[in-house]
Amino acid sequence: MKSKFRELVELYLAFLKIGAFTFGGGLAMMPIMQRELIEKRGWITEEELIDYFAIGQSTPGIIAVNVATFVGYKKLGWFGGIIGTLGVVTPSWVIIMLLAGAISSIDKYPMAQKALHGINVAVAALLTSVIVKFSKKTIKSVWNAVFMLLAFGLIYFLKVQSVWIIVSALIIGSLLTLYRQKKQKSSAEAKEGE
């Protein structure tokens, strides 16, 4: 059995790798997190990753940091949450410290601009892949698909802030769950009455 220290180091290094090789923010980290945390290490399930991203999106702070905290906490308690968080932010912190002085002069170098455009295209491809994969996991009915398309339309075309979509989805999901529970309870009581 692994020692606690070795598990903490493994957790830190896993999130260090995720933080170091991801460009584009929290959602862009999803494919790498899926590969590192689910496929390679088996620390969480795809459903848990989706839940962590949903909660991370709904709470203050950076999504990737929130997810690292959740996974670290699940794996090794509160100290694991701290270590996971430190792992994912270390690369950004180091890079920002090294590039802080040079960032204003990047506009002078066309090659640097082209490299950034290329990275953005790669991030868009990764995000598309994640959307397709996780849509297959979460869209389990026609209504799920309708709500997804409606949310997309509201955000993309009508420029509704995503926080309102998330709050609305939370309310609708809660009401639907309460309705189903009440319906099941009524059905169970009707069967007992027969």
Foldseek 3Di string as FASTA:
>chain_A
DDDPVVVLVVLLQLLLVLQQPFPDFDLLSVVSCCCSVPVPPNLDHPVVLVVLQLVLVQDDDGSQLSSQLVSLCSVRRNVRSVSSNCSNCVNVVVVCVVCVVVVVVQVVDVVSVVVVVVSVVVSVVSSVVVCVVVCVVPPDDPVSVVLVVVLCCCCPPVVDDVNVSSVVCVVVVVVVVVVVVVVVVVVVVVVVVD
